[in-house]
Amino acid sequence: MATIARIIAAAPSDVRQLAPDIPEHVSRVVHRCLEKSPANRYNDTRDLRLDLEAHNYPHEPIAHRPSGLRRRDLTVAALGVLAAGTALADKNFSKET
């Protein structure tokens, strides 16, 4: 029960503490996905996708960017966010035991 209370109350650790080689932008995306308040999270998957696309093509004009990410790219990004969230939850759980 203490673990659930901590997950609800405590802010998640920075994912870069677990994996320092993760780019800052990806860390911000993960943190926003894990926000406690729904108002601070992405409104929908389109907003998340746009943030991930901006990371993949940061220096290209919008007109030259691909019209959308391929399904594999979105799957890899989603798995990365899930893995980071799981690692953060596991790290917090390990501290309690």
Foldseek 3Di string as FASTA:
>chain_A
DVLVVCLLPPQFDQLCVVPVVDDPLLSVLLSLCSDNDPVSHDPDVVSSQVSVQCVVCVPDPPVPGPPGDDPVVVVVSVVVSVVSVVVRSVVSVVVVD
